[in-house]
Amino acid sequence: MTKVLKMTPTGAGDITLEPCSVVPPEAVIDGKPQEMGAVISESKDGSFVVGIWESTPYAEVFDAYPGDEFCQVLSGKVTLTDEHGHEETFAAGDSYFVPKGFRGTFRVVETMRKYYAIHMG
């Protein structure tokens, strides 16, 4: 992409979400996520990705999160709980950061859509 893309709470340009499967089935501990997403930009080596992702309610466990990820919640709710039991819930308009190596759970409480930027370095 060589142009600036306006990203609003309702979407980014003319990007359309399509069915995807980001959540590893073996990590799911509750529910069955129905995912939609779109990659907005990706580095040549795949180590940095920006996109939009949406899922229906479910929960998964992270043994060691694979990268550093910044997210902005566009709609819905998600709760992240670390390995020590500290819990934070994020809703539309909130942003959060998940550091590489994070251990805990990720629970989509209400169908959630988010922008994300993840570095897998």
C-alpha atoms as a PDB file:
ATOM      1  CA  MET A   1       0.000   0.000   0.000  1.00  0.00           C
ATOM      2  CA  THR A   2       1.396   3.365  -0.959  1.00  0.00           C
ATOM      3  CA  LYS A   3      -1.408   5.689   0.106  1.00  0.00           C
ATOM      4  CA  VAL A   4      -2.664   6.886   3.471  1.00  0.00           C
ATOM      5  CA  LEU A   5      -5.726   4.938   4.571  1.00  0.00           C
ATOM      6  CA  LYS A   6      -8.403   6.501   6.745  1.00  0.00           C
ATOM      7  CA  MET A   7      -9.369   4.103   9.524  1.00  0.00           C
ATOM      8  CA  THR A   8     -12.622   4.946  11.321  1.00  0.00           C
ATOM      9  CA  PRO A   9     -14.631   3.103  13.977  1.00  0.00           C
ATOM     10  CA  THR A  10     -16.795   1.617  11.198  1.00  0.00           C
ATOM     11  CA  GLY A  11     -14.026   0.427   8.891  1.00  0.00           C
ATOM     12  CA  ALA A  12     -11.044   1.259   6.741  1.00  0.00           C
ATOM     13  CA  GLY A  13     -11.504   2.490   3.187  1.00  0.00           C
ATOM     14  CA  ASP A  14     -13.152  -0.075   0.958  1.00  0.00           C
ATOM     15  CA  ILE A  15     -11.660  -3.059   2.808  1.00  0.00           C
ATOM     16  CA  THR A  16     -14.090  -5.952   3.175  1.00  0.00           C
ATOM     17  CA  LEU A  17     -13.868  -8.541   5.929  1.00  0.00           C
ATOM     18  CA  GLU A  18     -13.747 -12.168   4.795  1.00  0.00           C
ATOM     19  CA  PRO A  19     -13.953 -15.451   6.723  1.00  0.00           C
ATOM     20  CA  CYS A  20     -10.608 -16.346   8.292  1.00  0.00           C
ATOM     21  CA  SER A  21      -9.146 -18.686  10.897  1.00  0.00           C
ATOM     22  CA  VAL A  22      -6.602 -17.022  13.174  1.00  0.00           C
ATOM     23  CA  VAL A  23      -7.477 -18.755  16.443  1.00  0.00           C
ATOM     24  CA  PRO A  24      -5.664 -22.089  16.868  1.00  0.00           C
ATOM     25  CA  PRO A  25      -8.343 -24.747  17.594  1.00  0.00           C
ATOM     26  CA  GLU A  26      -6.151 -26.342  20.286  1.00  0.00           C
ATOM     27  CA  ALA A  27      -6.095 -23.037  22.231  1.00  0.00           C
ATOM     28  CA  VAL A  28      -9.902 -22.695  22.433  1.00  0.00           C
ATOM     29  CA  ILE A  29     -11.262 -23.414  25.913  1.00  0.00           C
ATOM     30  CA  ASP A  30     -14.853 -22.214  25.447  1.00  0.00           C
ATOM     31  CA  GLY A  31     -17.140 -21.580  22.482  1.00  0.00           C
ATOM     32  CA  LYS A  32     -16.500 -21.805  18.763  1.00  0.00           C
ATOM     33  CA  PRO A  33     -15.174 -18.587  17.225  1.00  0.00           C
ATOM     34  CA  GLN A  34     -16.611 -17.459  13.907  1.00  0.00           C
ATOM     35  CA  GLU A  35     -13.907 -15.149  12.562  1.00  0.00           C
ATOM     36  CA  MET A  36     -13.784 -12.489   9.870  1.00  0.00           C
ATOM     37  CA  GLY A  37     -10.783 -10.380   8.970  1.00  0.00           C
ATOM     38  CA  ALA A  38      -8.757  -8.387   6.489  1.00  0.00           C
ATOM     39  CA  VAL A  39      -5.063  -7.586   6.304  1.00  0.00           C
ATOM     40  CA  ILE A  40      -4.509  -3.880   5.633  1.00  0.00           C
ATOM     41  CA  SER A  41      -0.731  -4.037   5.356  1.00  0.00           C
ATOM     42  CA  GLU A  42       2.007  -6.625   5.856  1.00  0.00           C
ATOM     43  CA  SER A  43       5.794  -6.322   5.795  1.00  0.00           C
ATOM     44  CA  LYS A  44       7.624  -8.300   3.124  1.00  0.00           C
ATOM     45  CA  ASP A  45       8.908 -10.797   5.691  1.00  0.00           C
ATOM     46  CA  GLY A  46       5.514 -11.108   7.417  1.00  0.00           C
ATOM     47  CA  SER A  47       6.867  -9.942  10.778  1.00  0.00           C
ATOM     48  CA  PHE A  48       4.607  -6.843  10.984  1.00  0.00           C
ATOM     49  CA  VAL A  49       0.906  -6.979  10.132  1.00  0.00           C
ATOM     50  CA  VAL A  50      -1.889  -4.403  10.408  1.00  0.00           C
ATOM     51  CA  GLY A  51      -5.491  -5.470   9.960  1.00  0.00           C
ATOM     52  CA  ILE A  52      -9.076  -5.743  11.086  1.00  0.00           C
ATOM     53  CA  TRP A  53     -10.377  -8.821  12.895  1.00  0.00           C
ATOM     54  CA  GLU A  54     -13.792  -9.795  14.221  1.00  0.00           C
ATOM     55  CA  SER A  55     -15.027 -12.803  16.183  1.00  0.00           C
ATOM     56  CA  THR A  56     -18.107 -14.147  17.899  1.00  0.00           C
ATOM     57  CA  PRO A  57     -17.811 -14.996  21.622  1.00  0.00           C
ATOM     58  CA  TYR A  58     -15.264 -17.658  22.655  1.00  0.00           C
ATOM     59  CA  ALA A  59     -12.242 -18.021  24.936  1.00  0.00           C
ATOM     60  CA  GLU A  60      -8.694 -19.172  24.316  1.00  0.00           C
ATOM     61  CA  VAL A  61      -5.572 -19.652  26.396  1.00  0.00           C
ATOM     62  CA  PHE A  62      -2.169 -18.154  25.582  1.00  0.00           C
ATOM     63  CA  ASP A  63       0.868 -20.086  26.822  1.00  0.00           C
ATOM     64  CA  ALA A  64       3.210 -17.466  25.366  1.00  0.00           C
ATOM     65  CA  TYR A  65       1.778 -14.787  23.053  1.00  0.00           C
ATOM     66  CA  PRO A  66       3.840 -14.838  19.829  1.00  0.00           C
ATOM     67  CA  GLY A  67       4.362 -11.099  19.299  1.00  0.00           C
ATOM     68  CA  ASP A  68       3.760  -7.556  20.512  1.00  0.00           C
ATOM     69  CA  GLU A  69       0.230  -6.469  19.542  1.00  0.00           C
ATOM     70  CA  PHE A  70      -1.566  -3.130  19.791  1.00  0.00           C
ATOM     71  CA  CYS A  71      -5.365  -3.222  19.374  1.00  0.00           C
ATOM     72  CA  GLN A  72      -8.227  -0.746  19.214  1.00  0.00           C
ATOM     73  CA  VAL A  73     -11.666  -2.199  19.922  1.00  0.00           C
ATOM     74  CA  LEU A  74     -14.220  -0.972  17.381  1.00  0.00           C
ATOM     75  CA  SER A  75     -17.240  -2.848  18.716  1.00  0.00           C
ATOM     76  CA  GLY A  76     -18.075  -5.523  21.262  1.00  0.00           C
ATOM     77  CA  LYS A  77     -16.097  -6.542  24.349  1.00  0.00           C
ATOM     78  CA  VAL A  78     -13.060  -8.628  25.188  1.00  0.00           C
ATOM     79  CA  THR A  79     -11.590  -9.622  28.558  1.00  0.00           C
ATOM     80  CA  LEU A  80      -7.917 -10.481  28.995  1.00  0.00           C
ATOM     81  CA  THR A  81      -6.809 -12.230  32.178  1.00  0.00           C
ATOM     82  CA  ASP A  82      -3.115 -12.725  32.904  1.00  0.00           C
ATOM     83  CA  GLU A  83      -1.597 -15.807  34.534  1.00  0.00           C
ATOM     84  CA  HIS A  84      -1.841 -14.097  37.960  1.00  0.00           C
ATOM     85  CA  GLY A  85      -5.601 -13.520  37.650  1.00  0.00           C
ATOM     86  CA  HIS A  86      -5.476  -9.779  36.834  1.00  0.00           C
ATOM     87  CA  GLU A  87      -8.437  -9.128  34.528  1.00  0.00           C
ATOM     88  CA  GLU A  88      -9.161  -6.187  32.209  1.00  0.00           C
ATOM     89  CA  THR A  89     -12.207  -5.755  29.968  1.00  0.00           C
ATOM     90  CA  PHE A  90     -12.055  -3.585  26.865  1.00  0.00           C
ATOM     91  CA  ALA A  91     -15.023  -2.222  24.893  1.00  0.00           C
ATOM     92  CA  ALA A  92     -15.605  -0.041  21.830  1.00  0.00           C
ATOM     93  CA  GLY A  93     -13.242   2.936  21.913  1.00  0.00           C
ATOM     94  CA  ASP A  94     -10.700   1.243  24.202  1.00  0.00           C
ATOM     95  CA  SER A  95      -7.196   0.268  23.158  1.00  0.00           C
ATOM     96  CA  TYR A  96      -4.886  -2.329  24.655  1.00  0.00           C
ATOM     97  CA  PHE A  97      -1.414  -3.788  24.222  1.00  0.00           C
ATOM     98  CA  VAL A  98      -0.476  -7.463  24.573  1.00  0.00           C
ATOM     99  CA  PRO A  99       3.285  -8.022  25.019  1.00  0.00           C
ATOM    100  CA  LYS A 100       5.155 -10.894  23.459  1.00  0.00           C
ATOM    101  CA  GLY A 101       5.209 -13.808  25.911  1.00  0.00           C
ATOM    102  CA  PHE A 102       1.902 -12.882  27.617  1.00  0.00           C
ATOM    103  CA  ARG A 103       0.388 -15.855  29.434  1.00  0.00           C
ATOM    104  CA  GLY A 104      -3.321 -15.931  30.205  1.00  0.00           C
ATOM    105  CA  THR A 105      -6.755 -16.002  28.611  1.00  0.00           C
ATOM    106  CA  PHE A 106      -8.466 -13.985  25.907  1.00  0.00           C
ATOM    107  CA  ARG A 107     -12.276 -14.044  26.077  1.00  0.00           C
ATOM    108  CA  VAL A 108     -14.533 -12.351  23.520  1.00  0.00           C
ATOM    109  CA  VAL A 109     -17.537 -11.464  25.685  1.00  0.00           C
ATOM    110  CA  GLU A 110     -19.630  -9.850  22.912  1.00  0.00           C
ATOM    111  CA  THR A 111     -18.918 -10.194  19.194  1.00  0.00           C
ATOM    112  CA  MET A 112     -15.865  -7.985  18.856  1.00  0.00           C
ATOM    113  CA  ARG A 113     -14.221  -6.127  15.991  1.00  0.00           C
ATOM    114  CA  LYS A 114     -10.785  -4.590  16.362  1.00  0.00           C
ATOM    115  CA  TYR A 115      -7.935  -2.953  14.486  1.00  0.00           C
ATOM    116  CA  TYR A 116      -4.618  -4.576  15.274  1.00  0.00           C
ATOM    117  CA  ALA A 117      -0.947  -4.026  14.611  1.00  0.00           C
ATOM    118  CA  ILE A 118       1.277  -6.958  15.522  1.00  0.00           C
ATOM    119  CA  HIS A 119       5.039  -7.340  15.392  1.00  0.00           C
ATOM    120  CA  MET A 120       6.261 -10.926  15.425  1.00  0.00           C
ATOM    121  CA  GLY A 121       9.913 -10.151  16.080  1.00  0.00           C
END
